Amino acid sequence: MEESYFMTRKQIAEKIPCSANFFDEKIRYSQNFKDIVSEKNLSGKVLFPRKQVNEYLESV
């Protein structure tokens, strides 16, 4: 199955691993995360580009 271009908060939390709430509270709004990953709002969902998320995870 082909990976989608975007990831949800839950998918990122599973990859880290942590809870979605922890991701929101400690990671999502951190300056380091915001410098690398752009947030998109599509159809009422908050999505993050997979490539940028992977770049962030490699940097930490």
N, C-alpha and C. Protein backbone atom coordinates (compact mmCIF):
# COMPACT_ATOMS: atom_id res chain seq x y z
N MET A 1 0.84 -1.19 0.00
CA MET A 1 0.00 0.00 0.00
C MET A 1 0.88 1.25 0.00
N GLU A 2 0.56 2.20 -0.83
CA GLU A 2 1.32 3.42 -0.94
C GLU A 2 1.03 4.34 0.24
N GLU A 3 2.07 4.95 0.79
CA GLU A 3 1.89 5.89 1.90
C GLU A 3 1.32 7.18 1.38
N SER A 4 0.43 7.79 2.18
CA SER A 4 -0.15 9.06 1.77
C SER A 4 0.87 10.18 1.99
N TYR A 5 0.62 11.29 1.35
CA TYR A 5 1.51 12.44 1.45
C TYR A 5 1.44 13.08 2.83
N PHE A 6 0.28 12.99 3.48
CA PHE A 6 0.07 13.61 4.79
C PHE A 6 -0.06 12.59 5.90
N MET A 7 0.24 13.04 7.12
CA MET A 7 0.06 12.23 8.32
C MET A 7 -0.86 12.97 9.28
N THR A 8 -1.64 12.21 10.04
CA THR A 8 -2.49 12.80 11.07
C THR A 8 -1.70 12.88 12.38
N ARG A 9 -2.27 13.59 13.35
CA ARG A 9 -1.66 13.66 14.69
C ARG A 9 -1.48 12.26 15.27
N LYS A 10 -2.49 11.43 15.10
CA LYS A 10 -2.47 10.07 15.66
C LYS A 10 -1.35 9.25 15.01
N GLN A 11 -1.18 9.35 13.70
CA GLN A 11 -0.12 8.61 13.02
C GLN A 11 1.26 9.05 13.49
N ILE A 12 1.43 10.35 13.69
CA ILE A 12 2.72 10.86 14.17
C ILE A 12 2.97 10.34 15.58
N ALA A 13 1.94 10.40 16.43
CA ALA A 13 2.08 9.93 17.81
C ALA A 13 2.45 8.45 17.85
N GLU A 14 1.88 7.64 16.97
CA GLU A 14 2.21 6.22 16.91
C GLU A 14 3.66 6.00 16.47
N LYS A 15 4.13 6.85 15.59
CA LYS A 15 5.49 6.71 15.08
C LYS A 15 6.54 7.13 16.11
N ILE A 16 6.20 8.07 17.00
CA ILE A 16 7.20 8.62 17.93
C ILE A 16 7.71 7.60 18.95
N PRO A 17 7.05 6.83 19.69
CA PRO A 17 5.65 6.68 20.05
C PRO A 17 5.30 7.51 21.30
N CYS A 18 4.08 8.03 21.29
CA CYS A 18 3.52 8.76 22.42
C CYS A 18 2.02 8.87 22.19
N SER A 19 1.32 9.47 23.13
CA SER A 19 -0.12 9.67 22.93
C SER A 19 -0.33 10.90 22.06
N ALA A 20 -1.49 10.98 21.43
CA ALA A 20 -1.82 12.15 20.61
C ALA A 20 -1.86 13.41 21.47
N ASN A 21 -2.33 13.28 22.72
CA ASN A 21 -2.36 14.43 23.62
C ASN A 21 -0.96 14.91 23.96
N PHE A 22 -0.03 13.98 24.22
CA PHE A 22 1.35 14.36 24.51
C PHE A 22 1.95 15.05 23.30
N PHE A 23 1.69 14.52 22.12
CA PHE A 23 2.19 15.15 20.89
C PHE A 23 1.70 16.59 20.81
N ASP A 24 0.40 16.82 21.06
CA ASP A 24 -0.14 18.18 21.01
C ASP A 24 0.49 19.08 22.06
N GLU A 25 0.61 18.59 23.28
CA GLU A 25 1.07 19.42 24.39
C GLU A 25 2.57 19.71 24.35
N LYS A 26 3.38 18.75 23.96
CA LYS A 26 4.83 18.89 24.09
C LYS A 26 5.60 19.04 22.78
N ILE A 27 5.04 18.56 21.69
CA ILE A 27 5.82 18.53 20.45
C ILE A 27 5.24 19.45 19.38
N ARG A 28 3.96 19.34 19.11
CA ARG A 28 3.33 20.04 17.99
C ARG A 28 3.56 21.55 18.01
N TYR A 29 3.52 22.15 19.18
CA TYR A 29 3.67 23.60 19.27
C TYR A 29 5.08 24.04 19.64
N SER A 30 6.02 23.10 19.70
CA SER A 30 7.41 23.48 19.99
C SER A 30 8.00 24.20 18.77
N GLN A 31 8.91 25.12 19.04
CA GLN A 31 9.51 25.90 17.95
C GLN A 31 10.25 25.01 16.97
N ASN A 32 10.95 24.01 17.48
CA ASN A 32 11.71 23.11 16.62
C ASN A 32 10.80 22.39 15.62
N PHE A 33 9.65 21.90 16.11
CA PHE A 33 8.70 21.21 15.23
C PHE A 33 8.11 22.18 14.22
N LYS A 34 7.71 23.36 14.68
CA LYS A 34 7.10 24.35 13.78
C LYS A 34 8.08 24.87 12.73
N ASP A 35 9.38 24.88 13.06
CA ASP A 35 10.38 25.32 12.09
C ASP A 35 10.52 24.35 10.93
N ILE A 36 10.28 23.06 11.18
CA ILE A 36 10.48 22.04 10.15
C ILE A 36 9.18 21.60 9.48
N VAL A 37 8.10 21.50 10.25
CA VAL A 37 6.86 20.90 9.76
C VAL A 37 5.76 21.97 9.63
N SER A 38 5.16 22.03 8.46
CA SER A 38 4.04 22.94 8.25
C SER A 38 2.73 22.20 8.48
N GLU A 39 1.81 22.86 9.11
CA GLU A 39 0.51 22.28 9.44
C GLU A 39 -0.51 22.67 8.37
N LYS A 40 -1.30 21.72 7.92
CA LYS A 40 -2.33 21.98 6.91
C LYS A 40 -3.69 21.62 7.49
N ASN A 41 -4.69 22.43 7.21
CA ASN A 41 -6.07 22.12 7.59
C ASN A 41 -6.84 21.80 6.32
N LEU A 42 -7.18 20.53 6.16
CA LEU A 42 -7.91 20.08 4.98
C LEU A 42 -9.17 19.34 5.41
N SER A 43 -10.30 19.77 4.93
CA SER A 43 -11.58 19.12 5.24
C SER A 43 -11.80 18.97 6.74
N GLY A 44 -11.40 19.97 7.50
CA GLY A 44 -11.61 19.94 8.94
C GLY A 44 -10.63 19.07 9.71
N LYS A 45 -9.62 18.52 9.05
CA LYS A 45 -8.60 17.70 9.71
C LYS A 45 -7.27 18.44 9.68
N VAL A 46 -6.51 18.29 10.75
CA VAL A 46 -5.17 18.85 10.81
C VAL A 46 -4.21 17.78 10.30
N LEU A 47 -3.47 18.11 9.25
CA LEU A 47 -2.56 17.16 8.61
C LEU A 47 -1.15 17.75 8.51
N PHE A 48 -0.17 16.86 8.46
CA PHE A 48 1.23 17.26 8.41
C PHE A 48 1.91 16.50 7.28
N PRO A 49 2.71 17.19 6.43
CA PRO A 49 3.40 16.49 5.34
C PRO A 49 4.36 15.42 5.89
N ARG A 50 4.21 14.21 5.39
CA ARG A 50 5.00 13.05 5.85
C ARG A 50 6.50 13.31 5.72
N LYS A 51 6.94 13.88 4.61
CA LYS A 51 8.37 14.13 4.40
C LYS A 51 8.92 15.06 5.47
N GLN A 52 8.17 16.10 5.81
CA GLN A 52 8.62 17.05 6.84
C GLN A 52 8.63 16.40 8.21
N VAL A 53 7.64 15.56 8.50
CA VAL A 53 7.61 14.85 9.79
C VAL A 53 8.84 13.95 9.90
N ASN A 54 9.17 13.24 8.83
CA ASN A 54 10.35 12.37 8.85
C ASN A 54 11.63 13.17 9.04
N GLU A 55 11.71 14.36 8.41
CA GLU A 55 12.87 15.23 8.61
C GLU A 55 12.98 15.66 10.06
N TYR A 56 11.84 16.00 10.67
CA TYR A 56 11.85 16.38 12.08
C TYR A 56 12.33 15.23 12.96
N LEU A 57 11.80 14.03 12.72
CA LEU A 57 12.17 12.88 13.55
C LEU A 57 13.65 12.54 13.41
N GLU A 58 14.21 12.75 12.23
CA GLU A 58 15.64 12.51 12.03
C GLU A 58 16.49 13.54 12.75
N SER A 59 15.94 14.73 12.95
CA SER A 59 16.71 15.82 13.56
C SER A 59 16.74 15.73 15.09
N VAL A 60 15.86 14.94 15.68
CA VAL A 60 15.84 14.84 17.15
C VAL A 60 16.55 13.60 17.63
